[in-house]
Amino acid sequence: MVRAMKFKPDLEITAEPYQRILHEIKKRKKQLLITIFQISKRSVTSHAVYRQLRRTIRHLRNK
């Protein structure tokens, strides 16, 4: 038990760079998910606008 307590600070020092890397990966993953969501939302919106525009053009042609 004493030996484990003795090495705990060493483990924390050793793990620190890996924790920073893990934090950076999580941050980038979150950022990527937000970007993907924004792109998909934009795509859905632009697709709806495109469909409405096609309907309007078709309607004007048929008059």
Protein backbone atom coordinates (compact mmCIF):
# COMPACT_ATOMS: atom_id res chain seq x y z
CA MET A 1 0.00 0.00 0.00
CA VAL A 2 2.80 2.39 0.89
CA ARG A 3 4.54 1.54 -2.35
CA ALA A 4 1.39 2.31 -4.37
CA MET A 5 1.03 5.68 -2.65
CA LYS A 6 4.68 6.44 -3.37
CA PHE A 7 4.23 5.93 -7.12
CA LYS A 8 0.93 7.81 -7.41
CA PRO A 9 2.56 11.23 -8.07
CA ASP A 10 4.82 9.61 -10.66
CA LEU A 11 1.79 8.11 -12.39
CA GLU A 12 -0.01 11.44 -12.40
CA ILE A 13 3.03 13.16 -13.92
CA THR A 14 3.37 10.41 -16.52
CA ALA A 15 -0.34 10.47 -17.39
CA GLU A 16 -0.55 14.25 -17.78
CA PRO A 17 0.53 14.44 -21.46
CA TYR A 18 -1.85 11.62 -22.34
CA GLN A 19 -4.69 13.38 -20.55
CA ARG A 20 -3.97 16.55 -22.54
CA ILE A 21 -4.00 14.54 -25.78
CA LEU A 22 -7.26 12.84 -24.78
CA HIS A 23 -8.80 16.21 -23.91
CA GLU A 24 -7.71 17.62 -27.29
CA ILE A 25 -9.19 14.60 -29.11
CA LYS A 26 -12.50 14.99 -27.25
CA LYS A 27 -12.56 18.73 -28.02
CA ARG A 28 -11.91 18.15 -31.73
CA LYS A 29 -14.50 15.36 -31.86
CA LYS A 30 -17.11 17.67 -30.32
CA GLN A 31 -16.16 20.44 -32.75
CA LEU A 32 -16.43 18.02 -35.68
CA LEU A 33 -19.86 16.82 -34.58
CA ILE A 34 -21.06 20.42 -34.33
CA THR A 35 -19.70 21.15 -37.81
CA ILE A 36 -21.35 18.04 -39.28
CA PHE A 37 -24.66 19.01 -37.66
CA GLN A 38 -24.43 22.55 -39.06
CA ILE A 39 -23.62 21.26 -42.56
CA SER A 40 -26.47 18.74 -42.50
CA LYS A 41 -28.85 21.41 -41.21
CA ARG A 42 -27.72 23.77 -43.97
CA SER A 43 -28.11 21.01 -46.56
CA VAL A 44 -31.66 20.28 -45.42
CA THR A 45 -32.51 23.97 -45.52
CA SER A 46 -30.98 24.52 -48.95
CA HIS A 47 -32.70 21.39 -50.25
CA ALA A 48 -36.06 22.68 -49.01
CA VAL A 49 -35.43 26.05 -50.69
CA TYR A 50 -34.41 24.26 -53.89
CA ARG A 51 -37.59 22.13 -53.86
CA GLN A 52 -39.76 25.19 -53.28
CA LEU A 53 -38.03 27.03 -56.12
CA ARG A 54 -38.62 24.09 -58.49
CA ARG A 55 -42.30 23.99 -57.49
CA THR A 56 -42.65 27.72 -58.14
CA ILE A 57 -40.99 27.46 -61.56
CA ARG A 58 -43.15 24.46 -62.48
CA HIS A 59 -46.25 26.34 -61.32
CA LEU A 60 -45.33 29.41 -63.40
CA ARG A 61 -44.71 27.26 -66.49
CA ASN A 62 -48.12 25.62 -66.21
CA LYS A 63 -50.04 28.92 -66.08
